[in-house]
């Protein structure tokens, strides 16, 4: 089943809200999801691991033309969450109202301690997200 960036993004934002993340964090995720959605237009909005890898590699700041460590971390974190929907379990959610399991840091943790490093597989389409 093909899942769009918009569908996954809506679930990610909902999970962040339920988990009690700060509004600034949620706004940042929405911004990154919009950028990913623009990139996904070339393939009908469908999320794939290849698209995620391309997005995560976009680490050059358009403003300065230089590598951005912040962009690498931010985009890598978003892609790790999106890529998790391609795992054998097929879901990062236990139910509609549950927070993401193990992929996003606790709202109280320091951003420096957040996990990074999305998994990679070329042909995985994101299966449907499990609903509770």
N, C-alpha and C. Protein backbone atom coordinates (compact mmCIF):
# COMPACT_ATOMS: atom_id res chain seq x y z
N UNK A 1 0.84 -1.17 0.00
CA UNK A 1 0.00 0.00 0.00
C UNK A 1 0.89 1.24 0.00
N UNK A 2 0.59 2.16 -0.89
CA UNK A 2 1.36 3.39 -0.95
C UNK A 2 0.79 4.41 0.04
N UNK A 3 1.68 4.99 0.80
CA UNK A 3 1.28 5.98 1.78
C UNK A 3 1.96 7.29 1.43
N UNK A 4 1.21 8.37 1.49
CA UNK A 4 1.77 9.66 1.10
C UNK A 4 2.48 10.33 2.27
N UNK A 5 3.32 11.27 1.90
CA UNK A 5 4.01 12.08 2.90
C UNK A 5 2.98 12.78 3.78
N UNK A 6 1.93 13.28 3.17
CA UNK A 6 0.90 13.99 3.94
C UNK A 6 0.26 13.08 4.98
N UNK A 7 -0.07 11.84 4.59
CA UNK A 7 -0.70 10.91 5.54
C UNK A 7 0.22 10.59 6.71
N UNK A 8 1.46 10.28 6.41
CA UNK A 8 2.41 9.98 7.48
C UNK A 8 2.64 11.22 8.33
N UNK A 9 2.80 12.37 7.67
CA UNK A 9 3.05 13.61 8.39
C UNK A 9 1.93 13.97 9.36
N UNK A 10 0.70 13.75 8.96
CA UNK A 10 -0.43 14.04 9.86
C UNK A 10 -0.36 13.18 11.10
N UNK A 11 0.00 11.92 10.93
CA UNK A 11 0.13 11.02 12.08
C UNK A 11 1.30 11.41 12.98
N UNK A 12 2.39 11.82 12.37
CA UNK A 12 3.56 12.24 13.16
C UNK A 12 3.20 13.45 14.02
N UNK A 13 2.58 14.44 13.41
CA UNK A 13 2.21 15.64 14.15
C UNK A 13 1.22 15.31 15.27
N UNK A 14 0.24 14.48 14.97
CA UNK A 14 -0.74 14.09 16.00
C UNK A 14 -0.04 13.39 17.17
N UNK A 15 0.91 12.52 16.87
CA UNK A 15 1.63 11.80 17.92
C UNK A 15 2.47 12.76 18.76
N UNK A 16 3.08 13.74 18.12
CA UNK A 16 3.85 14.74 18.86
C UNK A 16 2.96 15.52 19.82
N UNK A 17 1.78 15.88 19.33
CA UNK A 17 0.85 16.64 20.18
C UNK A 17 0.41 15.81 21.38
N UNK A 18 0.04 14.56 21.12
CA UNK A 18 -0.41 13.68 22.21
C UNK A 18 0.71 13.46 23.22
N UNK A 19 1.93 13.37 22.73
CA UNK A 19 3.07 13.11 23.62
C UNK A 19 3.50 14.34 24.41
N UNK A 20 2.92 15.49 24.11
CA UNK A 20 3.21 16.68 24.89
C UNK A 20 4.44 17.46 24.46
N UNK A 21 4.83 17.34 23.20
CA UNK A 21 5.98 18.09 22.71
C UNK A 21 5.66 19.58 22.68
N UNK A 22 6.67 20.39 22.78
CA UNK A 22 6.52 21.85 22.76
C UNK A 22 5.99 22.29 21.40
N UNK A 23 5.25 23.36 21.40
CA UNK A 23 4.68 23.89 20.15
C UNK A 23 5.76 24.21 19.13
N UNK A 24 6.91 24.70 19.58
CA UNK A 24 8.00 25.00 18.66
C UNK A 24 8.47 23.74 17.95
N UNK A 25 8.60 22.64 18.67
CA UNK A 25 9.00 21.36 18.07
C UNK A 25 7.98 20.93 17.03
N UNK A 26 6.72 21.04 17.37
CA UNK A 26 5.66 20.63 16.45
C UNK A 26 5.66 21.51 15.21
N UNK A 27 5.86 22.81 15.38
CA UNK A 27 5.93 23.71 14.22
C UNK A 27 7.11 23.35 13.32
N UNK A 28 8.25 23.01 13.94
CA UNK A 28 9.42 22.62 13.14
C UNK A 28 9.13 21.36 12.34
N UNK A 29 8.52 20.36 12.96
CA UNK A 29 8.18 19.14 12.23
C UNK A 29 7.23 19.44 11.09
N UNK A 30 6.24 20.30 11.31
CA UNK A 30 5.32 20.67 10.23
C UNK A 30 6.08 21.31 9.07
N UNK A 31 7.03 22.17 9.39
CA UNK A 31 7.83 22.84 8.36
C UNK A 31 8.63 21.80 7.56
N UNK A 32 9.30 20.89 8.26
CA UNK A 32 10.10 19.88 7.56
C UNK A 32 9.21 18.97 6.72
N UNK A 33 8.04 18.64 7.23
CA UNK A 33 7.10 17.79 6.49
C UNK A 33 6.65 18.51 5.22
N UNK A 34 6.41 19.81 5.29
CA UNK A 34 6.02 20.57 4.08
C UNK A 34 7.13 20.50 3.03
N UNK A 35 8.39 20.64 3.48
CA UNK A 35 9.51 20.55 2.52
C UNK A 35 9.58 19.16 1.91
N UNK A 36 9.41 18.13 2.73
CA UNK A 36 9.43 16.76 2.23
C UNK A 36 8.27 16.52 1.27
N UNK A 37 7.12 17.09 1.57
CA UNK A 37 5.95 16.96 0.70
C UNK A 37 6.22 17.60 -0.67
N UNK A 38 6.89 18.74 -0.69
CA UNK A 38 7.24 19.37 -1.96
C UNK A 38 8.15 18.46 -2.79
N UNK A 39 9.13 17.85 -2.14
CA UNK A 39 10.04 16.95 -2.83
C UNK A 39 9.28 15.73 -3.36
N UNK A 40 8.30 15.27 -2.60
CA UNK A 40 7.55 14.05 -2.97
C UNK A 40 6.61 14.28 -4.15
N UNK A 41 6.35 15.50 -4.52
CA UNK A 41 5.45 15.77 -5.65
C UNK A 41 5.90 15.05 -6.92
N UNK A 42 7.20 14.90 -7.09
CA UNK A 42 7.73 14.27 -8.31
C UNK A 42 7.33 12.81 -8.43
N UNK A 43 6.86 12.21 -7.34
CA UNK A 43 6.40 10.81 -7.38
C UNK A 43 4.99 10.69 -6.82
N UNK A 44 4.19 11.71 -7.08
CA UNK A 44 2.79 11.66 -6.69
C UNK A 44 2.54 11.78 -5.20
N UNK A 45 3.51 12.30 -4.46
CA UNK A 45 3.35 12.49 -3.03
C UNK A 45 3.62 11.25 -2.18
N UNK A 46 3.94 10.13 -2.82
CA UNK A 46 4.16 8.86 -2.11
C UNK A 46 5.52 8.87 -1.43
N UNK A 47 5.55 8.37 -0.19
CA UNK A 47 6.81 8.28 0.55
C UNK A 47 7.48 6.95 0.27
N UNK A 48 8.77 7.00 -0.01
CA UNK A 48 9.60 5.80 -0.16
C UNK A 48 10.90 6.04 0.61
N UNK A 49 11.61 4.97 0.90
CA UNK A 49 12.90 5.13 1.57
C UNK A 49 13.88 5.92 0.71
N UNK A 50 13.80 5.74 -0.60
CA UNK A 50 14.67 6.49 -1.50
C UNK A 50 14.41 7.99 -1.41
N UNK A 51 13.15 8.36 -1.34
CA UNK A 51 12.79 9.77 -1.19
C UNK A 51 13.33 10.30 0.14
N UNK A 52 13.17 9.52 1.19
CA UNK A 52 13.68 9.92 2.50
C UNK A 52 15.18 10.12 2.47
N UNK A 53 15.89 9.21 1.81
CA UNK A 53 17.35 9.33 1.72
C UNK A 53 17.74 10.60 0.97
N UNK A 54 17.01 10.89 -0.10
CA UNK A 54 17.29 12.10 -0.87
C UNK A 54 17.06 13.34 0.00
N UNK A 55 15.96 13.35 0.72
CA UNK A 55 15.64 14.49 1.59
C UNK A 55 16.69 14.65 2.68
N UNK A 56 17.07 13.56 3.33
CA UNK A 56 18.05 13.62 4.41
C UNK A 56 19.41 14.10 3.91
N UNK A 57 19.69 13.88 2.62
CA UNK A 57 20.98 14.30 2.08
C UNK A 57 21.02 15.78 1.72
N UNK A 58 19.90 16.46 1.82
CA UNK A 58 19.82 17.88 1.45
C UNK A 58 20.34 18.72 2.62
N UNK A 59 21.64 18.71 2.79
CA UNK A 59 22.25 19.33 3.97
C UNK A 59 22.93 20.67 3.69
N UNK A 60 22.79 21.16 2.48
CA UNK A 60 23.39 22.45 2.14
C UNK A 60 22.36 23.54 2.36
N UNK A 61 22.75 24.55 3.09
CA UNK A 61 21.87 25.68 3.35
C UNK A 61 21.69 26.50 2.08
N UNK A 62 20.44 26.74 1.66
CA UNK A 62 20.24 27.56 0.47
C UNK A 62 20.68 29.02 0.69
N UNK A 63 20.65 29.44 1.94
CA UNK A 63 21.03 30.82 2.27
C UNK A 63 22.54 31.02 2.18
N UNK A 64 23.31 30.09 2.75
CA UNK A 64 24.77 30.27 2.80
C UNK A 64 25.52 29.45 1.76
N UNK A 65 24.87 28.40 1.24
CA UNK A 65 25.55 27.51 0.31
C UNK A 65 26.53 26.56 0.99
N UNK A 66 26.47 26.51 2.31
CA UNK A 66 27.38 25.67 3.08
C UNK A 66 26.64 24.52 3.76
N UNK A 67 27.40 23.50 4.15
CA UNK A 67 26.85 22.37 4.89
C UNK A 67 26.21 22.87 6.18
N UNK A 68 25.06 22.30 6.52
CA UNK A 68 24.37 22.67 7.75
C UNK A 68 24.20 21.45 8.64
N UNK A 69 24.92 21.42 9.75
CA UNK A 69 24.81 20.33 10.71
C UNK A 69 23.40 20.28 11.28
N UNK A 70 22.81 21.43 11.54
CA UNK A 70 21.45 21.48 12.08
C UNK A 70 20.46 20.84 11.11
N UNK A 71 20.57 21.16 9.83
CA UNK A 71 19.70 20.59 8.81
C UNK A 71 19.90 19.07 8.74
N UNK A 72 21.15 18.62 8.84
CA UNK A 72 21.43 17.18 8.80
C UNK A 72 20.70 16.48 9.95
N UNK A 73 20.80 17.05 11.14
CA UNK A 73 20.13 16.45 12.30
C UNK A 73 18.61 16.49 12.16
N UNK A 74 18.09 17.65 11.79
CA UNK A 74 16.64 17.82 11.70
C UNK A 74 16.03 16.90 10.64
N UNK A 75 16.58 16.95 9.44
CA UNK A 75 16.03 16.14 8.36
C UNK A 75 16.26 14.65 8.64
N UNK A 76 17.41 14.31 9.21
CA UNK A 76 17.68 12.91 9.56
C UNK A 76 16.69 12.37 10.56
N UNK A 77 16.32 13.19 11.55
CA UNK A 77 15.34 12.76 12.55
C UNK A 77 13.98 12.52 11.90
N UNK A 78 13.55 13.45 11.05
CA UNK A 78 12.26 13.28 10.38
C UNK A 78 12.26 12.03 9.50
N UNK A 79 13.31 11.84 8.76
CA UNK A 79 13.40 10.67 7.87
C UNK A 79 13.43 9.37 8.68
N UNK A 80 14.08 9.37 9.83
CA UNK A 80 14.09 8.16 10.68
C UNK A 80 12.67 7.79 11.08
N UNK A 81 11.87 8.78 11.42
CA UNK A 81 10.49 8.52 11.80
C UNK A 81 9.69 8.01 10.60
N UNK A 82 9.82 8.68 9.46
CA UNK A 82 9.10 8.26 8.27
C UNK A 82 9.56 6.87 7.81
N UNK A 83 10.88 6.62 7.83
CA UNK A 83 11.40 5.32 7.39
C UNK A 83 10.89 4.19 8.26
N UNK A 84 10.62 4.47 9.51
CA UNK A 84 10.16 3.41 10.41
C UNK A 84 8.84 2.80 9.94
N UNK A 85 8.08 3.54 9.13
CA UNK A 85 6.83 2.99 8.63
C UNK A 85 7.08 1.90 7.59
N UNK A 86 8.33 1.77 7.16
CA UNK A 86 8.69 0.71 6.21
C UNK A 86 9.27 -0.51 6.93
N UNK A 87 9.28 -0.49 8.25
CA UNK A 87 9.81 -1.62 9.00
C UNK A 87 8.86 -2.80 8.90
N UNK A 88 9.33 -4.01 9.21
CA UNK A 88 8.44 -5.17 9.15
C UNK A 88 7.19 -5.01 10.01
N UNK A 89 7.31 -4.30 11.10
CA UNK A 89 6.13 -4.09 11.95
C UNK A 89 5.14 -3.17 11.26
N UNK A 90 5.63 -2.29 10.38
CA UNK A 90 4.77 -1.45 9.58
C UNK A 90 4.12 -0.29 10.29
N UNK A 91 4.49 -0.03 11.51
CA UNK A 91 3.85 1.08 12.22
C UNK A 91 4.75 1.60 13.32
N UNK A 92 4.66 2.90 13.52
CA UNK A 92 5.37 3.50 14.64
C UNK A 92 4.38 3.90 15.71
N UNK A 93 3.13 3.54 15.52
CA UNK A 93 2.08 3.92 16.45
C UNK A 93 1.41 2.68 17.01
N UNK A 94 1.10 2.71 18.28
CA UNK A 94 0.35 1.62 18.89
C UNK A 94 -1.14 1.84 18.67
N UNK A 95 -1.55 3.08 18.65
CA UNK A 95 -2.94 3.43 18.37
C UNK A 95 -2.96 4.86 17.90
N UNK A 96 -4.12 5.32 17.48
CA UNK A 96 -4.23 6.69 16.99
C UNK A 96 -3.75 7.70 18.03
N UNK A 97 -4.00 7.44 19.27
CA UNK A 97 -3.66 8.42 20.30
C UNK A 97 -2.33 8.16 20.98
N UNK A 98 -1.62 7.13 20.56
CA UNK A 98 -0.35 6.80 21.22
C UNK A 98 0.80 7.61 20.64
N UNK A 99 1.78 7.87 21.46
CA UNK A 99 2.99 8.56 20.98
C UNK A 99 3.87 7.57 20.23
N UNK A 100 4.79 8.09 19.46
CA UNK A 100 5.71 7.23 18.74
C UNK A 100 6.59 6.45 19.69
N UNK A 101 6.84 5.21 19.34
CA UNK A 101 7.57 4.33 20.24
C UNK A 101 9.04 4.27 19.83
N UNK A 102 9.90 4.82 20.66
CA UNK A 102 11.33 4.64 20.50
C UNK A 102 11.99 5.44 19.40
N UNK A 103 11.25 6.19 18.60
CA UNK A 103 11.87 6.89 17.49
C UNK A 103 12.06 8.37 17.76
N UNK A 104 11.18 8.93 18.53
CA UNK A 104 11.34 10.32 18.91
C UNK A 104 11.76 10.37 20.36
N UNK A 105 12.55 11.34 20.70
CA UNK A 105 13.00 11.48 22.07
C UNK A 105 11.85 11.92 22.97
N UNK A 106 12.05 11.76 24.22
CA UNK A 106 11.10 12.28 25.19
C UNK A 106 11.03 13.79 25.03
N UNK A 107 9.85 14.39 25.23
CA UNK A 107 9.76 15.84 25.11
C UNK A 107 10.69 16.56 26.09
N UNK A 108 11.12 15.88 27.12
CA UNK A 108 11.98 16.51 28.12
C UNK A 108 13.47 16.29 27.86
N UNK A 109 13.81 15.47 26.87
CA UNK A 109 15.23 15.20 26.62
C UNK A 109 15.87 16.32 25.82
N UNK A 110 17.17 16.40 25.93
CA UNK A 110 17.92 17.39 25.19
C UNK A 110 18.00 16.99 23.72
N UNK A 111 17.83 17.94 22.79
CA UNK A 111 17.97 17.60 21.37
C UNK A 111 19.31 16.95 21.05
N UNK A 112 20.34 17.24 21.83
CA UNK A 112 21.65 16.64 21.57
C UNK A 112 21.66 15.14 21.83
N UNK A 113 20.69 14.64 22.61
CA UNK A 113 20.66 13.22 22.92
C UNK A 113 19.72 12.44 22.01
N UNK A 114 19.11 13.10 21.04
CA UNK A 114 18.14 12.44 20.17
C UNK A 114 18.84 11.44 19.24
N UNK A 115 18.19 10.32 18.96
CA UNK A 115 18.77 9.34 18.05
C UNK A 115 18.73 9.83 16.61
N UNK A 116 19.68 9.41 15.82
CA UNK A 116 19.72 9.77 14.41
C UNK A 116 20.06 8.53 13.61
N UNK A 117 19.94 8.64 12.32
CA UNK A 117 20.37 7.56 11.44
C UNK A 117 19.23 6.71 10.94
N UNK A 118 18.54 7.17 9.89
CA UNK A 118 17.45 6.39 9.33
C UNK A 118 17.93 5.10 8.68
N UNK A 119 17.07 4.08 8.72
CA UNK A 119 17.42 2.84 8.05
C UNK A 119 17.28 3.05 6.55
N UNK A 120 17.93 2.25 5.77
CA UNK A 120 17.94 2.42 4.32
C UNK A 120 17.58 1.11 3.62
N UNK A 121 16.66 1.19 2.70
CA UNK A 121 16.30 0.10 1.82
C UNK A 121 15.67 0.73 0.59
N UNK A 122 16.12 0.39 -0.59
CA UNK A 122 15.75 1.14 -1.78
C UNK A 122 14.28 1.07 -2.19
N UNK A 123 13.64 -0.07 -2.11
CA UNK A 123 12.33 -0.20 -2.73
C UNK A 123 11.16 -0.30 -1.78
N UNK A 124 11.33 0.05 -0.55
CA UNK A 124 10.24 -0.06 0.41
C UNK A 124 9.26 1.08 0.24
N UNK A 125 8.00 0.74 0.07
CA UNK A 125 6.92 1.72 0.11
C UNK A 125 6.42 1.69 1.54
N UNK A 126 6.02 2.81 2.05
CA UNK A 126 5.51 2.84 3.42
C UNK A 126 4.17 2.12 3.47
N UNK A 127 4.08 1.04 4.25
CA UNK A 127 2.80 0.37 4.40
C UNK A 127 1.85 1.24 5.19
N UNK A 128 0.59 0.89 5.20
CA UNK A 128 -0.39 1.69 5.95
C UNK A 128 -0.02 1.73 7.42
N UNK A 129 -0.28 2.84 8.03
CA UNK A 129 0.00 2.97 9.45
C UNK A 129 -1.10 2.27 10.23
N UNK A 130 -0.70 1.51 11.20
CA UNK A 130 -1.63 0.76 11.99
C UNK A 130 -2.50 1.68 12.83
N UNK A 131 -3.77 1.41 12.85
CA UNK A 131 -4.68 2.19 13.67
C UNK A 131 -5.16 1.32 14.80
N UNK A 132 -5.36 1.96 15.95
CA UNK A 132 -5.71 1.24 17.14
C UNK A 132 -7.11 0.82 17.11
